[in-house]
Structures are given as structure tokens and as C-alpha cells.
Amino acid sequence: MLLQEMAKEYRSNTALMELRVRQLQAARRRARQPEVRYRLKQRINCLQGFINESRKAVFMMEHYYERGGDGHENRAAV
């Protein structure tokens, strides 16, 4: 698999996590019990961490070969 292909997969998964965060945020707004709101907030925070790490990984994959400039943009990651 090429790094660009991996980056595309990560972007797709990141979009799914972002969608889930929006769903959880809506559920948190509707929740009446403080404990439920707290648990939803914890889940949102956890997902936000995953999203941030995924974005960093995408950036690294997309720009990995820019440093060397050897034209290796189509090299396989594994």
C-alpha cells in the first residue's frame, strides 16, 4: 500500500470519527442526567484525541517524501 493510499484511508476514518463526535454532542445536549452528560463528554474527548492523532498521521504520510525530494512519492509504505 502506498503512503498516499494509507493517508486516504486515514482521512476516511477520521471523517467517520468526526461524524460520531457530532452525534455524541447532539446526544449530550439532549441528555438530562449529569452522569450521562459526563460520560458522553468523556467519549467525545477520547474521540477528539484519536482524531487529532489521525490528522497528524495523515499529514506525515502526505508530506513524507517532500524532505528528500527524490521523487519517491509512489513508494510503498509496507
N, C-alpha and C. Protein backbone atom coordinates (compact mmCIF):
# COMPACT_ATOMS: atom_id res chain seq x y z
N MET A 1 0.85 -1.18 0.00
CA MET A 1 0.00 0.00 0.00
C MET A 1 0.89 1.24 0.00
N LEU A 2 0.54 2.20 -0.82
CA LEU A 2 1.30 3.44 -0.90
C LEU A 2 0.90 4.36 0.24
N LEU A 3 1.84 5.25 0.58
CA LEU A 3 1.55 6.20 1.66
C LEU A 3 0.33 7.06 1.34
N GLN A 4 0.19 7.47 0.09
CA GLN A 4 -0.96 8.28 -0.29
C GLN A 4 -2.27 7.51 -0.11
N GLU A 5 -2.24 6.22 -0.39
CA GLU A 5 -3.43 5.38 -0.19
C GLU A 5 -3.75 5.25 1.30
N MET A 6 -2.71 5.08 2.09
CA MET A 6 -2.91 4.99 3.54
C MET A 6 -3.49 6.30 4.08
N ALA A 7 -2.97 7.41 3.60
CA ALA A 7 -3.47 8.72 4.03
C ALA A 7 -4.95 8.87 3.69
N LYS A 8 -5.33 8.39 2.52
CA LYS A 8 -6.73 8.46 2.11
C LYS A 8 -7.61 7.64 3.05
N GLU A 9 -7.15 6.45 3.43
CA GLU A 9 -7.90 5.61 4.38
C GLU A 9 -8.01 6.30 5.75
N TYR A 10 -6.92 6.89 6.21
CA TYR A 10 -6.95 7.60 7.49
C TYR A 10 -7.94 8.76 7.43
N ARG A 11 -7.93 9.49 6.32
CA ARG A 11 -8.87 10.62 6.18
C ARG A 11 -10.32 10.12 6.24
N SER A 12 -10.58 9.02 5.60
CA SER A 12 -11.92 8.45 5.60
C SER A 12 -12.34 8.07 7.03
N ASN A 13 -11.44 7.41 7.74
CA ASN A 13 -11.74 7.02 9.12
C ASN A 13 -11.88 8.23 10.03
N THR A 14 -11.09 9.26 9.77
CA THR A 14 -11.20 10.49 10.56
C THR A 14 -12.57 11.12 10.36
N ALA A 15 -13.04 11.12 9.14
CA ALA A 15 -14.37 11.69 8.86
C ALA A 15 -15.46 10.92 9.62
N LEU A 16 -15.31 9.61 9.69
CA LEU A 16 -16.29 8.81 10.45
C LEU A 16 -16.24 9.15 11.94
N MET A 17 -15.04 9.33 12.47
CA MET A 17 -14.92 9.70 13.89
C MET A 17 -15.51 11.08 14.13
N GLU A 18 -15.30 12.00 13.20
CA GLU A 18 -15.87 13.35 13.35
C GLU A 18 -17.40 13.30 13.33
N LEU A 19 -17.94 12.45 12.48
CA LEU A 19 -19.40 12.27 12.45
C LEU A 19 -19.89 11.74 13.79
N ARG A 20 -19.19 10.77 14.33
CA ARG A 20 -19.58 10.20 15.62
C ARG A 20 -19.51 11.25 16.73
N VAL A 21 -18.52 12.11 16.69
CA VAL A 21 -18.42 13.18 17.68
C VAL A 21 -19.63 14.08 17.60
N ARG A 22 -20.04 14.44 16.39
CA ARG A 22 -21.24 15.29 16.24
C ARG A 22 -22.48 14.60 16.78
N GLN A 23 -22.59 13.29 16.55
CA GLN A 23 -23.72 12.54 17.08
C GLN A 23 -23.71 12.54 18.61
N LEU A 24 -22.54 12.33 19.19
CA LEU A 24 -22.42 12.31 20.65
C LEU A 24 -22.69 13.69 21.24
N GLN A 25 -22.26 14.73 20.55
CA GLN A 25 -22.53 16.09 21.03
C GLN A 25 -24.03 16.37 21.05
N ALA A 26 -24.72 15.92 20.02
CA ALA A 26 -26.18 16.10 19.98
C ALA A 26 -26.84 15.31 21.12
N ALA A 27 -26.37 14.10 21.35
CA ALA A 27 -26.91 13.29 22.44
C ALA A 27 -26.63 13.94 23.78
N ARG A 28 -25.47 14.54 23.92
CA ARG A 28 -25.11 15.22 25.18
C ARG A 28 -26.03 16.41 25.43
N ARG A 29 -26.35 17.14 24.38
CA ARG A 29 -27.27 18.29 24.54
C ARG A 29 -28.66 17.83 24.97
N ARG A 30 -29.08 16.67 24.50
CA ARG A 30 -30.41 16.14 24.84
C ARG A 30 -30.45 15.46 26.20
N ALA A 31 -29.30 15.01 26.68
CA ALA A 31 -29.26 14.25 27.94
C ALA A 31 -29.68 15.11 29.12
N ARG A 32 -30.41 14.49 30.01
CA ARG A 32 -30.89 15.22 31.19
C ARG A 32 -30.09 14.89 32.45
N GLN A 33 -29.59 13.67 32.53
CA GLN A 33 -28.85 13.27 33.73
C GLN A 33 -27.39 13.72 33.64
N PRO A 34 -26.87 14.31 34.71
CA PRO A 34 -25.47 14.76 34.73
C PRO A 34 -24.48 13.62 34.45
N GLU A 35 -24.75 12.44 34.97
CA GLU A 35 -23.83 11.31 34.75
C GLU A 35 -23.77 10.94 33.28
N VAL A 36 -24.89 10.96 32.59
CA VAL A 36 -24.92 10.63 31.16
C VAL A 36 -24.15 11.70 30.38
N ARG A 37 -24.39 12.97 30.71
CA ARG A 37 -23.66 14.06 30.04
C ARG A 37 -22.16 13.92 30.26
N TYR A 38 -21.77 13.57 31.48
CA TYR A 38 -20.35 13.41 31.80
C TYR A 38 -19.73 12.27 30.99
N ARG A 39 -20.40 11.15 30.92
CA ARG A 39 -19.88 10.00 30.15
C ARG A 39 -19.78 10.31 28.66
N LEU A 40 -20.77 11.01 28.14
CA LEU A 40 -20.73 11.40 26.73
C LEU A 40 -19.56 12.35 26.48
N LYS A 41 -19.34 13.27 27.41
CA LYS A 41 -18.22 14.21 27.28
C LYS A 41 -16.90 13.44 27.27
N GLN A 42 -16.77 12.44 28.11
CA GLN A 42 -15.54 11.63 28.15
C GLN A 42 -15.33 10.91 26.82
N ARG A 43 -16.38 10.35 26.27
CA ARG A 43 -16.28 9.66 24.98
C ARG A 43 -15.90 10.64 23.88
N ILE A 44 -16.47 11.83 23.90
CA ILE A 44 -16.15 12.86 22.91
C ILE A 44 -14.67 13.24 23.02
N ASN A 45 -14.20 13.46 24.23
CA ASN A 45 -12.81 13.83 24.43
C ASN A 45 -11.85 12.75 23.93
N CYS A 46 -12.20 11.51 24.17
CA CYS A 46 -11.38 10.39 23.71
C CYS A 46 -11.32 10.38 22.18
N LEU A 47 -12.46 10.51 21.55
CA LEU A 47 -12.51 10.54 20.09
C LEU A 47 -11.74 11.73 19.52
N GLN A 48 -11.81 12.87 20.20
CA GLN A 48 -11.07 14.05 19.73
C GLN A 48 -9.57 13.77 19.72
N GLY A 49 -9.10 13.05 20.73
CA GLY A 49 -7.69 12.67 20.76
C GLY A 49 -7.32 11.77 19.59
N PHE A 50 -8.18 10.80 19.29
CA PHE A 50 -7.95 9.92 18.14
C PHE A 50 -7.96 10.71 16.83
N ILE A 51 -8.88 11.65 16.73
CA ILE A 51 -8.98 12.47 15.52
C ILE A 51 -7.71 13.29 15.32
N ASN A 52 -7.23 13.90 16.39
CA ASN A 52 -6.01 14.70 16.29
C ASN A 52 -4.81 13.85 15.87
N GLU A 53 -4.67 12.67 16.45
CA GLU A 53 -3.58 11.77 16.09
C GLU A 53 -3.70 11.32 14.64
N SER A 54 -4.91 11.06 14.20
CA SER A 54 -5.13 10.64 12.82
C SER A 54 -4.76 11.76 11.85
N ARG A 55 -5.13 12.98 12.18
CA ARG A 55 -4.78 14.11 11.32
C ARG A 55 -3.27 14.28 11.22
N LYS A 56 -2.58 14.12 12.34
CA LYS A 56 -1.11 14.20 12.32
C LYS A 56 -0.52 13.12 11.43
N ALA A 57 -1.05 11.91 11.55
CA ALA A 57 -0.55 10.80 10.74
C ALA A 57 -0.79 11.06 9.26
N VAL A 58 -1.96 11.60 8.92
CA VAL A 58 -2.26 11.91 7.52
C VAL A 58 -1.25 12.93 7.00
N PHE A 59 -1.00 13.95 7.78
CA PHE A 59 -0.05 14.98 7.35
C PHE A 59 1.32 14.38 7.12
N MET A 60 1.77 13.55 8.04
CA MET A 60 3.09 12.92 7.90
C MET A 60 3.14 12.04 6.65
N MET A 61 2.10 11.27 6.41
CA MET A 61 2.08 10.40 5.23
C MET A 61 2.06 11.20 3.94
N GLU A 62 1.29 12.27 3.91
CA GLU A 62 1.18 13.06 2.69
C GLU A 62 2.45 13.85 2.39
N HIS A 63 3.22 14.16 3.40
CA HIS A 63 4.41 15.00 3.21
C HIS A 63 5.72 14.26 3.48
N TYR A 64 5.65 12.97 3.60
CA TYR A 64 6.82 12.17 3.98
C TYR A 64 7.98 12.34 3.00
N TYR A 65 7.70 12.33 1.71
CA TYR A 65 8.76 12.36 0.71
C TYR A 65 9.15 13.77 0.28
N GLU A 66 8.53 14.78 0.83
CA GLU A 66 8.86 16.16 0.45
C GLU A 66 10.24 16.56 0.95
N ARG A 67 10.70 15.99 2.03
CA ARG A 67 12.00 16.36 2.59
C ARG A 67 13.14 15.95 1.66
N GLY A 68 13.07 14.72 1.16
CA GLY A 68 14.15 14.22 0.33
C GLY A 68 14.11 14.77 -1.08
N GLY A 69 12.94 14.95 -1.63
CA GLY A 69 12.79 15.48 -2.96
C GLY A 69 13.31 14.55 -4.03
N ASP A 70 13.39 13.24 -3.74
CA ASP A 70 13.93 12.28 -4.69
C ASP A 70 12.87 11.73 -5.64
N GLY A 71 11.66 12.21 -5.56
CA GLY A 71 10.61 11.73 -6.43
C GLY A 71 10.10 10.36 -6.04
N HIS A 72 10.09 10.06 -4.76
CA HIS A 72 9.66 8.74 -4.29
C HIS A 72 8.21 8.77 -3.81
N GLU A 73 7.39 9.62 -4.35
CA GLU A 73 6.02 9.77 -3.86
C GLU A 73 5.17 8.52 -4.03
N ASN A 74 5.60 7.58 -4.88
CA ASN A 74 4.80 6.38 -5.10
C ASN A 74 5.40 5.15 -4.42
N ARG A 75 6.25 5.35 -3.46
CA ARG A 75 6.85 4.21 -2.78
C ARG A 75 5.85 3.57 -1.83
N ALA A 76 5.96 2.28 -1.68
CA ALA A 76 5.07 1.56 -0.79
C ALA A 76 5.48 1.78 0.66
N ALA A 77 4.48 1.84 1.54
CA ALA A 77 4.76 2.03 2.96
C ALA A 77 5.17 0.73 3.62
N VAL A 78 4.65 -0.36 3.14
CA VAL A 78 4.95 -1.66 3.75
C VAL A 78 5.44 -2.61 2.67
